N, C-alpha and C. Protein backbone atom coordinates (compact mmCIF):
# COMPACT_ATOMS: atom_id res chain seq x y z
N UNK A 1 133.91 165.44 35.08
CA UNK A 1 133.78 166.44 34.01
C UNK A 1 133.20 167.75 34.55
N UNK A 2 133.75 168.87 34.06
CA UNK A 2 133.27 170.14 34.58
C UNK A 2 131.83 170.41 34.03
N UNK A 3 131.01 171.06 34.84
CA UNK A 3 129.70 171.34 34.43
C UNK A 3 129.28 172.79 34.81
N UNK A 4 128.37 173.32 34.05
CA UNK A 4 127.92 174.70 34.35
C UNK A 4 127.12 174.71 35.62
N UNK A 5 127.26 175.82 36.38
CA UNK A 5 126.52 175.96 37.61
C UNK A 5 126.15 177.45 37.80
N UNK A 6 125.18 177.72 38.65
CA UNK A 6 124.75 179.08 38.81
C UNK A 6 125.19 179.71 40.07
N UNK A 7 125.86 178.98 40.95
CA UNK A 7 126.31 179.51 42.23
C UNK A 7 127.82 179.47 42.35
N UNK A 8 128.45 180.68 42.57
CA UNK A 8 129.95 180.67 42.72
C UNK A 8 130.38 179.84 43.91
N UNK A 9 131.53 179.24 43.73
CA UNK A 9 132.19 178.53 44.89
C UNK A 9 132.67 179.58 45.89
N UNK A 10 132.52 179.24 47.14
CA UNK A 10 132.85 180.20 48.24
C UNK A 10 134.12 179.76 48.95
N UNK A 11 135.05 180.62 49.04
CA UNK A 11 136.29 180.39 49.78
C UNK A 11 136.47 181.52 50.76
N UNK A 12 136.44 181.26 52.02
CA UNK A 12 136.54 182.33 53.05
C UNK A 12 135.16 182.93 53.28
N UNK A 13 135.11 183.89 54.21
CA UNK A 13 133.86 184.53 54.55
C UNK A 13 133.93 186.02 54.31
N UNK A 14 132.83 186.59 53.87
CA UNK A 14 132.77 188.08 53.70
C UNK A 14 132.35 188.77 54.99
N UNK A 15 133.27 189.37 55.71
CA UNK A 15 132.97 190.05 56.93
C UNK A 15 133.37 191.52 56.86
N UNK A 16 133.47 192.07 55.64
CA UNK A 16 133.79 193.46 55.48
C UNK A 16 135.21 193.85 55.85
N UNK A 17 136.14 192.93 55.65
CA UNK A 17 137.53 193.27 55.94
C UNK A 17 137.97 194.36 54.94
N UNK A 18 138.65 195.35 55.42
CA UNK A 18 138.93 196.53 54.54
C UNK A 18 140.08 196.34 53.63
N UNK A 19 141.11 195.56 53.99
CA UNK A 19 142.23 195.35 53.10
C UNK A 19 143.00 194.10 53.48
N UNK A 20 143.55 193.42 52.52
CA UNK A 20 144.32 192.20 52.75
C UNK A 20 145.75 192.59 53.13
N UNK A 21 146.51 191.52 53.53
CA UNK A 21 147.93 191.74 53.82
C UNK A 21 148.72 191.57 52.51
N UNK A 22 149.27 192.66 51.99
CA UNK A 22 149.97 192.64 50.72
C UNK A 22 151.31 193.24 50.86
N UNK A 23 152.34 192.62 50.28
CA UNK A 23 153.71 193.10 50.46
C UNK A 23 154.08 194.03 49.28
N UNK A 24 155.04 194.88 49.51
CA UNK A 24 155.51 195.73 48.39
C UNK A 24 156.14 194.93 47.25
N UNK A 25 156.73 193.84 47.60
CA UNK A 25 157.34 192.99 46.58
C UNK A 25 156.32 192.48 45.60
N UNK A 26 155.15 192.00 46.11
CA UNK A 26 154.14 191.52 45.20
C UNK A 26 153.45 192.63 44.44
N UNK A 27 153.33 193.77 45.07
CA UNK A 27 152.66 194.90 44.40
C UNK A 27 153.52 195.43 43.26
N UNK A 28 154.82 195.28 43.31
CA UNK A 28 155.68 195.70 42.30
C UNK A 28 155.96 194.65 41.16
N UNK A 29 155.27 193.51 41.30
CA UNK A 29 155.49 192.40 40.39
C UNK A 29 154.95 192.80 38.98
N UNK A 30 155.48 192.13 37.96
CA UNK A 30 155.15 192.44 36.55
C UNK A 30 154.23 191.28 36.03
N UNK A 31 153.22 191.60 35.34
CA UNK A 31 152.35 190.54 34.72
C UNK A 31 153.19 189.62 33.85
N UNK A 32 153.09 188.31 34.14
CA UNK A 32 153.79 187.32 33.32
C UNK A 32 155.31 187.28 33.52
N UNK A 33 155.76 187.94 34.61
CA UNK A 33 157.19 188.01 34.83
C UNK A 33 157.88 186.65 34.96
N UNK A 34 157.36 185.77 35.78
CA UNK A 34 158.03 184.49 35.94
C UNK A 34 157.92 183.64 34.71
N UNK A 35 156.85 183.71 34.03
CA UNK A 35 156.69 182.92 32.78
C UNK A 35 157.60 183.42 31.73
N UNK A 36 157.75 184.76 31.64
CA UNK A 36 158.70 185.36 30.68
C UNK A 36 160.09 184.93 30.96
N UNK A 37 160.46 184.81 32.20
CA UNK A 37 161.81 184.39 32.62
C UNK A 37 162.04 182.96 32.18
N UNK A 38 161.08 182.06 32.27
CA UNK A 38 161.19 180.69 31.83
C UNK A 38 161.39 180.65 30.29
N UNK A 39 160.60 181.54 29.65
CA UNK A 39 160.70 181.63 28.15
C UNK A 39 162.08 182.00 27.73
N UNK A 40 162.67 183.04 28.40
CA UNK A 40 164.03 183.47 28.09
C UNK A 40 165.04 182.36 28.32
N UNK A 41 164.88 181.63 29.47
CA UNK A 41 165.76 180.53 29.73
C UNK A 41 165.70 179.45 28.65
N UNK A 42 164.49 179.19 28.16
CA UNK A 42 164.36 178.21 27.06
C UNK A 42 165.06 178.63 25.81
N UNK A 43 164.96 179.89 25.46
CA UNK A 43 165.63 180.40 24.28
C UNK A 43 167.14 180.41 24.40
N UNK A 44 167.60 180.74 25.65
CA UNK A 44 169.06 180.74 25.89
C UNK A 44 169.60 179.32 25.76
N UNK A 45 168.82 178.41 26.38
CA UNK A 45 169.22 176.98 26.30
C UNK A 45 169.25 176.50 24.88
N UNK A 46 168.28 176.90 24.10
CA UNK A 46 168.22 176.48 22.69
C UNK A 46 169.44 177.00 21.91
N UNK A 47 169.78 178.28 22.20
CA UNK A 47 170.94 178.87 21.52
C UNK A 47 172.22 178.17 21.87
N UNK A 48 172.38 177.77 23.15
CA UNK A 48 173.57 177.08 23.57
C UNK A 48 173.68 175.70 22.96
N UNK A 49 172.57 175.02 22.83
CA UNK A 49 172.54 173.68 22.17
C UNK A 49 172.77 173.79 20.69
N UNK A 50 172.27 174.84 20.09
CA UNK A 50 172.55 175.08 18.66
C UNK A 50 174.02 175.33 18.37
N UNK A 51 174.69 176.04 19.24
CA UNK A 51 176.13 176.24 19.09
C UNK A 51 176.87 174.85 19.26
N UNK A 52 176.38 174.06 20.16
CA UNK A 52 176.93 172.74 20.37
C UNK A 52 176.79 171.89 19.07
N UNK A 53 175.65 172.01 18.45
CA UNK A 53 175.41 171.27 17.17
C UNK A 53 176.43 171.70 16.11
N UNK A 54 176.64 173.01 16.00
CA UNK A 54 177.57 173.55 15.01
C UNK A 54 178.94 173.04 15.27
N UNK A 55 179.36 173.05 16.53
CA UNK A 55 180.72 172.59 16.86
C UNK A 55 180.87 171.10 16.57
N UNK A 56 179.82 170.31 16.88
CA UNK A 56 179.94 168.87 16.65
C UNK A 56 179.99 168.57 15.14
N UNK A 57 179.24 169.31 14.36
CA UNK A 57 179.25 169.07 12.90
C UNK A 57 180.65 169.46 12.34
N UNK A 58 181.21 170.54 12.84
CA UNK A 58 182.57 170.92 12.39
C UNK A 58 183.56 169.86 12.78
N UNK A 59 183.38 169.29 13.92
CA UNK A 59 184.26 168.22 14.40
C UNK A 59 184.10 166.98 13.55
N UNK A 60 182.83 166.70 13.18
CA UNK A 60 182.63 165.46 12.35
C UNK A 60 183.33 165.66 10.99
N UNK A 61 183.26 166.88 10.40
CA UNK A 61 183.96 167.08 9.12
C UNK A 61 185.41 166.96 9.22
N UNK A 62 185.97 167.49 10.36
CA UNK A 62 187.40 167.39 10.56
C UNK A 62 187.84 165.94 10.74
N UNK A 63 187.06 165.18 11.48
CA UNK A 63 187.38 163.77 11.74
C UNK A 63 187.28 162.97 10.42
N UNK A 64 186.28 163.31 9.62
CA UNK A 64 186.11 162.60 8.33
C UNK A 64 187.27 162.87 7.38
N UNK A 65 187.78 164.13 7.39
CA UNK A 65 188.88 164.46 6.59
C UNK A 65 190.20 163.74 7.06
N UNK A 66 190.19 163.44 8.34
CA UNK A 66 191.35 162.73 8.87
C UNK A 66 191.30 161.25 8.60
N UNK A 67 190.24 160.84 7.88
CA UNK A 67 190.10 159.39 7.52
C UNK A 67 189.49 158.48 8.58
N UNK A 68 188.62 159.04 9.43
CA UNK A 68 187.95 158.24 10.42
C UNK A 68 186.40 158.39 10.25
N UNK A 69 185.87 157.74 9.22
CA UNK A 69 184.44 157.91 8.97
C UNK A 69 183.51 157.39 10.05
N UNK A 70 183.93 156.29 10.65
CA UNK A 70 183.10 155.72 11.75
C UNK A 70 182.99 156.67 12.93
N UNK A 71 184.14 157.28 13.26
CA UNK A 71 184.07 158.22 14.36
C UNK A 71 183.21 159.46 13.95
N UNK A 72 183.30 159.85 12.69
CA UNK A 72 182.53 160.96 12.20
C UNK A 72 181.01 160.71 12.30
N UNK A 73 180.65 159.47 12.03
CA UNK A 73 179.23 159.11 12.13
C UNK A 73 178.73 159.24 13.58
N UNK A 74 179.58 158.80 14.55
CA UNK A 74 179.24 158.94 15.94
C UNK A 74 179.08 160.37 16.36
N UNK A 75 179.93 161.20 15.84
CA UNK A 75 179.86 162.65 16.18
C UNK A 75 178.61 163.28 15.57
N UNK A 76 178.25 162.88 14.38
CA UNK A 76 177.04 163.39 13.70
C UNK A 76 175.82 162.95 14.50
N UNK A 77 175.87 161.75 14.99
CA UNK A 77 174.69 161.26 15.83
C UNK A 77 174.57 162.13 17.10
N UNK A 78 175.70 162.50 17.72
CA UNK A 78 175.70 163.39 18.85
C UNK A 78 175.10 164.72 18.46
N UNK A 79 175.44 165.22 17.26
CA UNK A 79 174.95 166.47 16.81
C UNK A 79 173.48 166.46 16.59
N UNK A 80 172.99 165.32 16.09
CA UNK A 80 171.51 165.18 15.86
C UNK A 80 170.80 165.24 17.21
N UNK A 81 171.33 164.53 18.20
CA UNK A 81 170.71 164.50 19.50
C UNK A 81 170.67 165.88 20.14
N UNK A 82 171.77 166.63 19.96
CA UNK A 82 171.86 168.01 20.42
C UNK A 82 170.86 168.88 19.73
N UNK A 83 170.70 168.70 18.46
CA UNK A 83 169.75 169.43 17.69
C UNK A 83 168.33 169.22 18.15
N UNK A 84 167.96 167.98 18.48
CA UNK A 84 166.63 167.68 18.98
C UNK A 84 166.41 168.39 20.32
N UNK A 85 167.44 168.40 21.17
CA UNK A 85 167.36 169.08 22.42
C UNK A 85 167.18 170.60 22.23
N UNK A 86 167.84 171.14 21.22
CA UNK A 86 167.71 172.60 20.95
C UNK A 86 166.30 172.90 20.50
N UNK A 87 165.72 172.03 19.70
CA UNK A 87 164.38 172.26 19.17
C UNK A 87 163.39 172.19 20.35
N UNK A 88 163.56 171.23 21.26
CA UNK A 88 162.64 171.13 22.43
C UNK A 88 162.72 172.44 23.29
N UNK A 89 163.98 172.86 23.53
CA UNK A 89 164.12 174.06 24.34
C UNK A 89 163.51 175.29 23.67
N UNK A 90 163.64 175.41 22.36
CA UNK A 90 163.09 176.48 21.61
C UNK A 90 161.59 176.48 21.64
N UNK A 91 161.02 175.29 21.49
CA UNK A 91 159.52 175.19 21.55
C UNK A 91 159.03 175.52 22.97
N UNK A 92 159.77 175.09 24.00
CA UNK A 92 159.36 175.46 25.31
C UNK A 92 159.40 176.94 25.50
N UNK A 93 160.43 177.61 24.98
CA UNK A 93 160.54 179.06 25.05
C UNK A 93 159.32 179.70 24.32
N UNK A 94 159.00 179.21 23.20
CA UNK A 94 157.83 179.76 22.44
C UNK A 94 156.56 179.61 23.23
N UNK A 95 156.37 178.43 23.88
CA UNK A 95 155.12 178.14 24.54
C UNK A 95 155.01 179.07 25.73
N UNK A 96 156.09 179.26 26.50
CA UNK A 96 156.02 180.12 27.72
C UNK A 96 155.94 181.60 27.30
N UNK A 97 156.58 181.94 26.15
CA UNK A 97 156.47 183.33 25.72
C UNK A 97 155.04 183.71 25.35
N UNK A 98 154.30 182.76 24.75
CA UNK A 98 152.90 183.01 24.45
C UNK A 98 152.08 183.21 25.72
N UNK A 99 152.38 182.33 26.71
CA UNK A 99 151.67 182.45 28.00
C UNK A 99 151.94 183.73 28.69
N UNK A 100 153.21 184.19 28.61
CA UNK A 100 153.61 185.49 29.23
C UNK A 100 152.90 186.62 28.52
N UNK A 101 152.79 186.54 27.16
CA UNK A 101 152.11 187.65 26.41
C UNK A 101 150.63 187.71 26.87
N UNK A 102 149.95 186.53 27.04
CA UNK A 102 148.58 186.59 27.42
C UNK A 102 148.47 187.18 28.85
N UNK A 103 149.33 186.85 29.77
CA UNK A 103 149.27 187.45 31.09
C UNK A 103 149.52 188.96 31.07
N UNK A 104 150.36 189.41 30.19
CA UNK A 104 150.67 190.83 30.01
C UNK A 104 149.42 191.56 29.50
N UNK A 105 148.75 190.94 28.53
CA UNK A 105 147.54 191.55 28.00
C UNK A 105 146.44 191.72 29.09
N UNK A 106 146.29 190.63 29.84
CA UNK A 106 145.25 190.64 30.89
C UNK A 106 145.67 191.65 31.98
N UNK A 107 147.00 191.72 32.28
CA UNK A 107 147.46 192.70 33.22
C UNK A 107 147.16 194.09 32.80
N UNK A 108 147.32 194.40 31.52
CA UNK A 108 146.97 195.74 30.99
C UNK A 108 145.46 196.00 31.16
N UNK A 109 144.69 194.92 30.92
CA UNK A 109 143.16 195.13 31.11
C UNK A 109 142.86 195.49 32.56
N UNK A 110 143.58 194.88 33.46
CA UNK A 110 143.26 195.12 34.87
C UNK A 110 143.75 196.48 35.36
N UNK A 111 144.58 197.18 34.52
CA UNK A 111 145.03 198.51 34.88
C UNK A 111 143.91 199.49 35.14
N UNK A 112 142.78 199.25 34.46
CA UNK A 112 141.61 200.08 34.69
C UNK A 112 141.10 200.01 36.15
N UNK A 113 141.25 198.85 36.75
CA UNK A 113 140.84 198.71 38.15
C UNK A 113 141.85 199.41 39.06
N UNK A 114 143.12 199.31 38.77
CA UNK A 114 144.14 200.04 39.53
C UNK A 114 143.83 201.56 39.52
N UNK A 115 143.48 202.08 38.35
CA UNK A 115 143.20 203.53 38.24
C UNK A 115 141.96 203.85 39.07
N UNK A 116 141.11 202.94 39.35
CA UNK A 116 139.96 203.11 40.24
C UNK A 116 140.17 202.75 41.69
N UNK A 117 141.46 202.64 42.05
CA UNK A 117 141.86 202.43 43.43
C UNK A 117 141.64 201.00 43.92
N UNK A 118 141.51 200.05 43.01
CA UNK A 118 141.50 198.65 43.42
C UNK A 118 142.94 198.20 43.61
N UNK A 119 143.12 197.24 44.43
CA UNK A 119 144.46 196.72 44.72
C UNK A 119 144.72 195.51 43.82
N UNK A 120 145.73 195.63 42.94
CA UNK A 120 145.98 194.58 41.92
C UNK A 120 147.43 194.08 42.02
N UNK A 121 147.51 192.76 42.10
CA UNK A 121 148.83 192.12 42.14
C UNK A 121 148.97 191.20 40.89
N UNK A 122 150.24 190.97 40.51
CA UNK A 122 150.49 190.10 39.39
C UNK A 122 151.58 189.09 39.74
N UNK A 123 151.49 187.92 39.18
CA UNK A 123 152.54 186.87 39.33
C UNK A 123 152.82 186.62 40.80
N UNK A 124 151.80 186.42 41.59
CA UNK A 124 151.97 186.25 43.05
C UNK A 124 152.49 184.80 43.32
N UNK A 125 153.67 184.74 43.86
CA UNK A 125 154.27 183.49 44.23
C UNK A 125 153.60 182.84 45.44
N UNK A 126 153.22 181.58 45.31
CA UNK A 126 152.59 180.90 46.47
C UNK A 126 153.64 180.18 47.26
N UNK A 127 153.49 180.23 48.56
CA UNK A 127 154.41 179.45 49.43
C UNK A 127 154.08 177.95 49.16
N UNK A 128 155.12 177.14 48.96
CA UNK A 128 154.95 175.79 48.62
C UNK A 128 155.03 175.52 47.14
N UNK A 129 155.18 176.56 46.32
CA UNK A 129 155.37 176.36 44.89
C UNK A 129 154.22 176.85 44.05
N UNK A 130 154.54 177.25 42.86
CA UNK A 130 153.51 177.78 41.90
C UNK A 130 153.24 179.26 42.10
N UNK A 131 152.40 179.77 41.23
CA UNK A 131 152.04 181.22 41.31
C UNK A 131 150.62 181.43 40.85
N UNK A 132 150.08 182.57 41.19
CA UNK A 132 148.77 183.00 40.74
C UNK A 132 149.01 184.18 39.77
N UNK A 133 148.40 184.07 38.54
CA UNK A 133 148.69 185.12 37.53
C UNK A 133 148.31 186.48 37.94
N UNK A 134 147.12 186.69 38.49
CA UNK A 134 146.63 187.98 38.90
C UNK A 134 145.80 187.85 40.15
N UNK A 135 145.87 188.82 41.01
CA UNK A 135 145.05 188.83 42.23
C UNK A 135 144.49 190.29 42.36
N UNK A 136 143.17 190.42 42.45
CA UNK A 136 142.53 191.73 42.58
C UNK A 136 141.72 191.76 43.86
N UNK A 137 141.95 192.86 44.64
CA UNK A 137 141.30 192.98 45.93
C UNK A 137 140.31 194.16 45.93
N UNK A 138 139.09 193.91 46.36
CA UNK A 138 138.16 194.98 46.72
C UNK A 138 138.26 195.17 48.22
N UNK A 139 137.31 195.91 48.80
CA UNK A 139 137.33 196.09 50.26
C UNK A 139 137.15 194.79 51.05
N UNK A 140 136.39 193.83 50.47
CA UNK A 140 136.10 192.64 51.20
C UNK A 140 136.25 191.33 50.38
N UNK A 141 136.58 191.45 49.11
CA UNK A 141 136.74 190.26 48.30
C UNK A 141 138.07 190.27 47.59
N UNK A 142 138.53 189.05 47.31
CA UNK A 142 139.78 188.85 46.56
C UNK A 142 139.47 187.96 45.38
N UNK A 143 139.84 188.42 44.19
CA UNK A 143 139.66 187.66 42.95
C UNK A 143 141.04 187.02 42.58
N UNK A 144 141.06 185.71 42.48
CA UNK A 144 142.28 185.02 42.04
C UNK A 144 142.07 184.62 40.59
N UNK A 145 142.91 185.12 39.68
CA UNK A 145 142.68 184.97 38.26
C UNK A 145 143.77 184.11 37.60
N UNK A 146 143.36 183.07 36.91
CA UNK A 146 144.24 182.16 36.19
C UNK A 146 144.06 182.52 34.71
N UNK A 147 145.11 182.93 34.02
CA UNK A 147 144.98 183.31 32.60
C UNK A 147 145.26 182.18 31.69
N UNK A 148 144.45 181.95 30.68
CA UNK A 148 144.60 180.98 29.60
C UNK A 148 144.64 181.72 28.32
N UNK A 149 145.43 181.21 27.33
CA UNK A 149 145.58 181.93 26.09
C UNK A 149 144.36 181.92 25.18
N UNK A 150 143.84 180.72 24.87
CA UNK A 150 142.76 180.62 23.88
C UNK A 150 141.64 179.69 24.32
N UNK A 151 141.90 178.82 25.33
CA UNK A 151 140.84 177.94 25.81
C UNK A 151 141.23 177.43 27.20
N UNK A 152 140.24 176.89 27.86
CA UNK A 152 140.46 176.30 29.24
C UNK A 152 140.12 174.83 29.10
N UNK A 153 140.68 174.06 30.05
CA UNK A 153 140.46 172.60 30.11
C UNK A 153 139.91 172.19 31.43
N UNK A 154 139.33 171.04 31.51
CA UNK A 154 138.68 170.56 32.74
C UNK A 154 139.62 170.57 33.87
N UNK A 155 140.92 170.30 33.67
CA UNK A 155 141.84 170.26 34.80
C UNK A 155 142.15 171.65 35.39
N UNK A 156 141.76 172.70 34.64
CA UNK A 156 141.99 174.08 35.15
C UNK A 156 141.03 174.39 36.32
N UNK A 157 139.89 173.71 36.40
CA UNK A 157 138.97 173.99 37.44
C UNK A 157 139.54 173.64 38.84
N UNK A 158 140.06 172.40 39.06
CA UNK A 158 140.67 172.10 40.37
C UNK A 158 141.87 172.99 40.67
N UNK A 159 142.61 173.38 39.61
CA UNK A 159 143.72 174.30 39.84
C UNK A 159 143.25 175.62 40.38
N UNK A 160 142.14 176.15 39.77
CA UNK A 160 141.55 177.38 40.24
C UNK A 160 141.12 177.29 41.69
N UNK A 161 140.56 176.10 42.05
CA UNK A 161 140.14 175.89 43.43
C UNK A 161 141.36 175.86 44.40
N UNK A 162 142.46 175.28 43.96
CA UNK A 162 143.66 175.26 44.78
C UNK A 162 144.23 176.70 44.99
N UNK A 163 144.18 177.50 43.93
CA UNK A 163 144.61 178.90 44.06
C UNK A 163 143.72 179.62 45.09
N UNK A 164 142.44 179.37 45.01
CA UNK A 164 141.51 180.03 45.93
C UNK A 164 141.72 179.56 47.38
N UNK A 165 141.91 178.28 47.55
CA UNK A 165 142.22 177.71 48.90
C UNK A 165 143.44 178.42 49.52
N UNK A 166 144.50 178.54 48.71
CA UNK A 166 145.71 179.09 49.13
C UNK A 166 145.47 180.64 49.51
N UNK A 167 144.74 181.28 48.62
CA UNK A 167 144.45 182.68 48.90
C UNK A 167 143.68 182.91 50.21
N UNK A 168 142.75 182.00 50.47
CA UNK A 168 141.91 182.08 51.66
C UNK A 168 142.84 181.94 52.92
N UNK A 169 143.84 181.06 52.82
CA UNK A 169 144.75 180.88 53.94
C UNK A 169 145.73 182.10 54.04
N UNK A 170 146.11 182.61 52.88
CA UNK A 170 147.14 183.63 52.85
C UNK A 170 146.61 185.03 53.30
N UNK A 171 145.41 185.35 52.78
CA UNK A 171 144.81 186.68 53.04
C UNK A 171 143.88 186.67 54.20
N UNK A 172 143.55 185.51 54.75
CA UNK A 172 142.63 185.46 55.89
C UNK A 172 141.30 184.86 55.54
N UNK A 173 140.78 184.02 56.38
CA UNK A 173 139.52 183.33 56.06
C UNK A 173 138.35 184.28 56.12
N UNK A 174 138.52 185.49 56.62
CA UNK A 174 137.39 186.39 56.68
C UNK A 174 137.11 187.07 55.33
N UNK A 175 137.96 186.92 54.38
CA UNK A 175 137.74 187.46 53.02
C UNK A 175 137.04 186.44 52.18
N UNK A 176 136.14 186.96 51.29
CA UNK A 176 135.53 186.12 50.31
C UNK A 176 136.42 185.99 49.12
N UNK A 177 136.87 184.78 48.77
CA UNK A 177 137.74 184.52 47.64
C UNK A 177 136.96 184.12 46.46
N UNK A 178 137.21 184.81 45.30
CA UNK A 178 136.41 184.52 44.07
C UNK A 178 137.43 184.01 43.00
N UNK A 179 137.42 182.71 42.69
CA UNK A 179 138.33 182.20 41.62
C UNK A 179 137.78 182.46 40.21
N UNK A 180 138.72 182.85 39.34
CA UNK A 180 138.32 183.22 37.96
C UNK A 180 139.30 182.61 36.98
N UNK A 181 138.82 182.00 35.89
CA UNK A 181 139.67 181.62 34.77
C UNK A 181 139.39 182.61 33.62
N UNK A 182 140.41 183.36 33.19
CA UNK A 182 140.22 184.32 32.14
C UNK A 182 140.89 183.84 30.85
N UNK A 183 140.09 183.77 29.81
CA UNK A 183 140.63 183.37 28.50
C UNK A 183 140.98 184.57 27.66
N UNK A 184 142.28 184.74 27.48
CA UNK A 184 142.74 185.99 26.84
C UNK A 184 142.17 186.20 25.41
N UNK A 185 142.21 185.11 24.60
CA UNK A 185 141.75 185.21 23.25
C UNK A 185 140.33 184.64 23.07
N UNK A 186 139.42 185.22 23.85
CA UNK A 186 138.04 184.73 23.81
C UNK A 186 137.08 185.82 24.19
N UNK A 187 135.90 185.83 23.63
CA UNK A 187 134.85 186.80 23.99
C UNK A 187 133.75 186.14 24.75
N UNK A 188 134.11 185.04 25.45
CA UNK A 188 133.11 184.33 26.22
C UNK A 188 132.54 185.15 27.33
N UNK A 189 131.20 185.25 27.44
CA UNK A 189 130.60 186.02 28.58
C UNK A 189 130.88 185.21 29.84
N UNK A 190 130.74 185.86 31.01
CA UNK A 190 130.98 185.22 32.30
C UNK A 190 130.04 184.03 32.48
N UNK A 191 130.70 182.87 32.76
CA UNK A 191 129.98 181.61 32.94
C UNK A 191 130.48 180.88 34.12
N UNK A 192 129.55 180.40 34.98
CA UNK A 192 129.96 179.62 36.18
C UNK A 192 130.13 178.18 35.77
N UNK A 193 131.29 177.61 36.01
CA UNK A 193 131.51 176.18 35.74
C UNK A 193 132.04 175.55 37.07
N UNK A 194 131.24 174.68 37.59
CA UNK A 194 131.55 174.06 38.91
C UNK A 194 131.89 175.15 39.96
N UNK A 195 131.16 176.27 39.94
CA UNK A 195 131.38 177.33 40.96
C UNK A 195 132.55 178.25 40.63
N UNK A 196 133.23 178.07 39.47
CA UNK A 196 134.36 178.91 39.05
C UNK A 196 133.92 179.78 37.91
N UNK A 197 134.24 181.08 38.01
CA UNK A 197 133.92 182.00 36.89
C UNK A 197 134.90 181.74 35.78
N UNK A 198 134.34 181.48 34.52
CA UNK A 198 135.15 181.36 33.30
C UNK A 198 134.69 182.54 32.40
N UNK A 199 135.64 183.37 31.99
CA UNK A 199 135.29 184.54 31.24
C UNK A 199 136.30 184.94 30.20
N UNK A 200 135.85 185.48 29.06
CA UNK A 200 136.75 186.03 28.09
C UNK A 200 137.29 187.36 28.59
N UNK A 201 138.52 187.70 28.10
CA UNK A 201 139.17 188.91 28.58
C UNK A 201 138.35 190.18 28.48
N UNK A 202 137.59 190.43 27.36
CA UNK A 202 136.87 191.71 27.23
C UNK A 202 135.81 191.88 28.37
N UNK A 203 135.40 190.82 29.01
CA UNK A 203 134.35 190.92 30.04
C UNK A 203 134.92 190.82 31.45
N UNK A 204 136.24 190.70 31.59
CA UNK A 204 136.87 190.42 32.89
C UNK A 204 136.62 191.55 33.89
N UNK A 205 136.94 192.75 33.50
CA UNK A 205 136.83 193.91 34.37
C UNK A 205 135.39 194.12 34.83
N UNK A 206 134.45 194.01 33.91
CA UNK A 206 133.03 194.22 34.26
C UNK A 206 132.58 193.15 35.23
N UNK A 207 133.06 191.88 35.08
CA UNK A 207 132.71 190.84 35.99
C UNK A 207 133.21 191.16 37.42
N UNK A 208 134.48 191.57 37.52
CA UNK A 208 135.05 191.90 38.79
C UNK A 208 134.30 193.08 39.46
N UNK A 209 134.02 194.10 38.69
CA UNK A 209 133.30 195.25 39.25
C UNK A 209 131.90 194.88 39.73
N UNK A 210 131.26 193.99 38.98
CA UNK A 210 129.91 193.54 39.35
C UNK A 210 129.93 192.68 40.66
N UNK A 211 130.91 191.78 40.66
CA UNK A 211 130.95 190.81 41.82
C UNK A 211 131.63 191.42 43.03
N UNK A 212 132.47 192.45 42.80
CA UNK A 212 133.28 192.96 43.91
C UNK A 212 132.59 194.00 44.72
């Protein structure tokens, strides 16, 4: 079970490295871009399955009028199955769209750091799979930020640690990596949980400026 702590977890070493290795591709990334793409795919899939439902129901009516009720029942059953699939795809699209919106809101919040010459990345793809929602670099520290919409769960702590471990390998062990879980719809003040910062969105920039 996650527990509150007073000491941040340390990933990498702070040796005053001036800048990390960052590519143009990641710098041009859009907050929530990959999540938004999954949401769009879910909605497109739902639309396709809904059209299939309509076609199957039309076929069932035609078969029934031809005097084959048993076949019509089978076609209706297929339509019901397709309808359930459409609903699952639509709900997946909704879920990912909400996640993308939260990442976009946090990305907008981090714009204040970009304006102050901090290096900010969004939707950073990790080698080996997965992504980090936001990465913020000061002269010697890198903040890896995992965005949650309204609450965090205990399983988010080890995920934040995995993000930090990857960042330490990717940006160099000489940088100090600071993992953060940001709750978009929360006013929670910065709190250390098992060495991971958990913070509500309104306090995120202040936390990074203070720790960076």
